[in-house]
Amino acid sequence: VYKRQVNTSLQQLYIGANNIDEIGTSTICEALKINTHLKKLYMSFNNICEERAIAISEFLRVNTSLKLLSIYSTKIGNSGVCAIKNALEYNHTLKRINGIDVGDLLSDENRQIRKRFLTTKCCKK
């Protein structure tokens, strides 16, 4: 019988420039929903589209350890940015996102998110 194992020591994961497909993104996101140790995730240069960004936003809603998400050179589009923005209303541990225009996160309507990102100095005025 296969026993599912959970990694308890991995704190940084670099999976950039791997041409990760939909199945790979979904698998990673499902694993990150239950991961409580990963602090930094680098997914840049992976052709992440809007649909994959929505999968990322779903794990961000429940992940309680991730502090940095790097998604440079992705094509998540407006709906992907909105999905991630909405997830941040639930996720209070993520402090930095590299690779998307966080201007949408800094609107007056999102004061709590705005305050968190400005106080962690990941955004410059």
Protein backbone atom coordinates (compact mmCIF):
# COMPACT_ATOMS: atom_id res chain seq x y z
CA VAL A 1 0.00 0.00 0.00
CA TYR A 2 1.36 3.40 -1.00
CA LYS A 3 1.70 5.76 1.92
CA ARG A 4 1.52 9.46 1.14
CA GLN A 5 4.50 11.30 2.53
CA VAL A 6 4.63 14.96 3.42
CA ASN A 7 7.84 16.95 3.17
CA THR A 8 8.51 18.87 6.37
CA SER A 9 11.85 20.49 5.58
CA LEU A 10 11.63 22.13 2.12
CA GLN A 11 11.46 25.90 2.55
CA GLN A 12 12.30 27.16 -0.96
CA LEU A 13 11.21 25.67 -4.26
CA TYR A 14 12.69 26.82 -7.58
CA ILE A 15 10.70 25.48 -10.51
CA GLY A 16 11.25 28.34 -12.93
CA ALA A 17 11.81 27.84 -16.66
CA ASN A 18 10.48 24.29 -16.65
CA ASN A 19 7.61 24.71 -19.10
CA ILE A 20 5.20 23.38 -16.49
CA ASP A 21 1.90 22.39 -18.03
CA GLU A 22 -1.63 22.49 -16.62
CA ILE A 23 -1.32 19.10 -14.92
CA GLY A 24 2.00 20.06 -13.35
CA THR A 25 0.64 23.37 -12.11
CA SER A 26 -2.44 21.69 -10.67
CA THR A 27 -0.35 19.02 -8.95
CA ILE A 28 1.99 21.59 -7.42
CA CYS A 29 -0.92 23.75 -6.28
CA GLU A 30 -2.71 20.80 -4.67
CA ALA A 31 0.46 19.89 -2.76
CA LEU A 32 0.91 23.48 -1.62
CA LYS A 33 -2.58 23.53 -0.11
CA ILE A 34 -1.39 21.20 2.62
CA ASN A 35 2.25 22.30 2.82
CA THR A 36 3.00 24.22 5.98
CA HIS A 37 6.76 24.70 5.61
CA LEU A 38 7.44 26.22 2.18
CA LYS A 39 8.33 29.91 2.50
CA LYS A 40 9.41 30.84 -1.05
CA LEU A 41 8.08 29.59 -4.38
CA TYR A 42 9.75 30.60 -7.64
CA MET A 43 7.58 29.72 -10.66
CA SER A 44 8.83 32.35 -13.12
CA PHE A 45 9.22 31.74 -16.86
CA ASN A 46 6.67 28.92 -17.01
CA ASN A 47 4.00 30.24 -19.37
CA ILE A 48 1.51 30.43 -16.54
CA CYS A 49 -1.76 31.54 -18.10
CA GLU A 50 -4.97 32.85 -16.54
CA GLU A 51 -6.34 29.37 -15.81
CA ARG A 52 -3.14 28.32 -14.05
CA ALA A 53 -3.14 31.58 -12.08
CA ILE A 54 -6.58 30.66 -10.79
CA ALA A 55 -5.15 27.32 -9.56
CA ILE A 56 -2.39 29.29 -7.83
CA SER A 57 -4.96 31.57 -6.23
CA GLU A 58 -6.83 28.54 -4.87
CA PHE A 59 -3.79 27.27 -2.98
CA LEU A 60 -3.02 30.80 -1.78
CA ARG A 61 -6.43 30.89 -0.08
CA VAL A 62 -5.47 28.05 2.25
CA ASN A 63 -1.65 27.98 2.41
CA THR A 64 -0.39 29.33 5.72
CA SER A 65 3.36 29.40 5.21
CA LEU A 66 4.26 30.98 1.86
CA LYS A 67 5.82 34.43 2.21
CA LEU A 68 7.15 35.01 -1.33
CA LEU A 69 5.70 34.07 -4.71
CA SER A 70 7.72 34.80 -7.83
CA ILE A 71 5.87 34.57 -11.15
CA TYR A 72 7.91 36.77 -13.52
CA SER A 73 7.33 36.43 -17.26
CA THR A 74 3.94 34.84 -17.00
CA LYS A 75 0.76 35.58 -18.90
CA ILE A 76 -1.78 35.49 -16.09
CA GLY A 77 -3.84 38.36 -17.50
CA ASN A 78 -6.39 40.47 -15.67
CA SER A 79 -8.50 37.58 -14.41
CA GLY A 80 -5.38 35.89 -13.02
CA VAL A 81 -4.37 39.07 -11.20
CA CYS A 82 -7.92 39.42 -9.85
CA ALA A 83 -7.94 35.80 -8.66
CA ILE A 84 -4.65 36.28 -6.82
CA LYS A 85 -5.86 39.59 -5.39
CA ASN A 86 -9.02 37.90 -4.09
CA ALA A 87 -6.98 35.07 -2.55
CA LEU A 88 -4.93 37.61 -0.62
CA GLU A 89 -8.04 38.59 1.29
CA TYR A 90 -7.82 35.14 2.91
CA ASN A 91 -4.07 34.63 2.91
CA HIS A 92 -2.33 36.78 5.50
CA THR A 93 1.13 35.23 5.34
CA LEU A 94 2.13 36.10 1.76
CA LYS A 95 4.17 39.30 1.96
CA ARG A 96 5.71 39.61 -1.47
CA ILE A 97 4.76 38.83 -5.05
CA ASN A 98 7.35 39.22 -7.78
CA GLY A 99 6.22 39.41 -11.36
CA ILE A 100 2.79 40.97 -11.36
CA ASP A 101 1.82 44.59 -11.21
CA VAL A 102 0.73 44.95 -7.63
CA GLY A 103 -0.89 48.28 -8.42
CA ASP A 104 -4.23 46.48 -8.43
CA LEU A 105 -3.53 45.34 -4.89
CA LEU A 106 -2.93 48.88 -3.73
CA SER A 107 -6.31 50.40 -4.43
CA ASP A 108 -8.18 52.06 -1.59
CA GLU A 109 -10.76 49.26 -1.74
CA ASN A 110 -8.10 46.79 -0.64
CA ARG A 111 -6.77 48.68 2.36
CA GLN A 112 -5.71 45.66 4.42
CA ILE A 113 -3.81 44.12 1.53
CA ARG A 114 -2.36 47.49 0.62
CA LYS A 115 -1.16 48.06 4.18
CA ARG A 116 0.49 44.63 4.33
CA PHE A 117 2.36 45.08 1.06
CA LEU A 118 3.48 48.63 1.79
CA THR A 119 4.69 47.83 5.28
CA THR A 120 6.78 44.92 4.01
CA LYS A 121 8.48 47.26 1.50
CA CYS A 122 7.90 45.02 -1.50
CA CYS A 123 6.25 47.90 -3.34
CA LYS A 124 7.78 51.25 -3.99
CA LYS A 125 5.73 54.39 -4.22
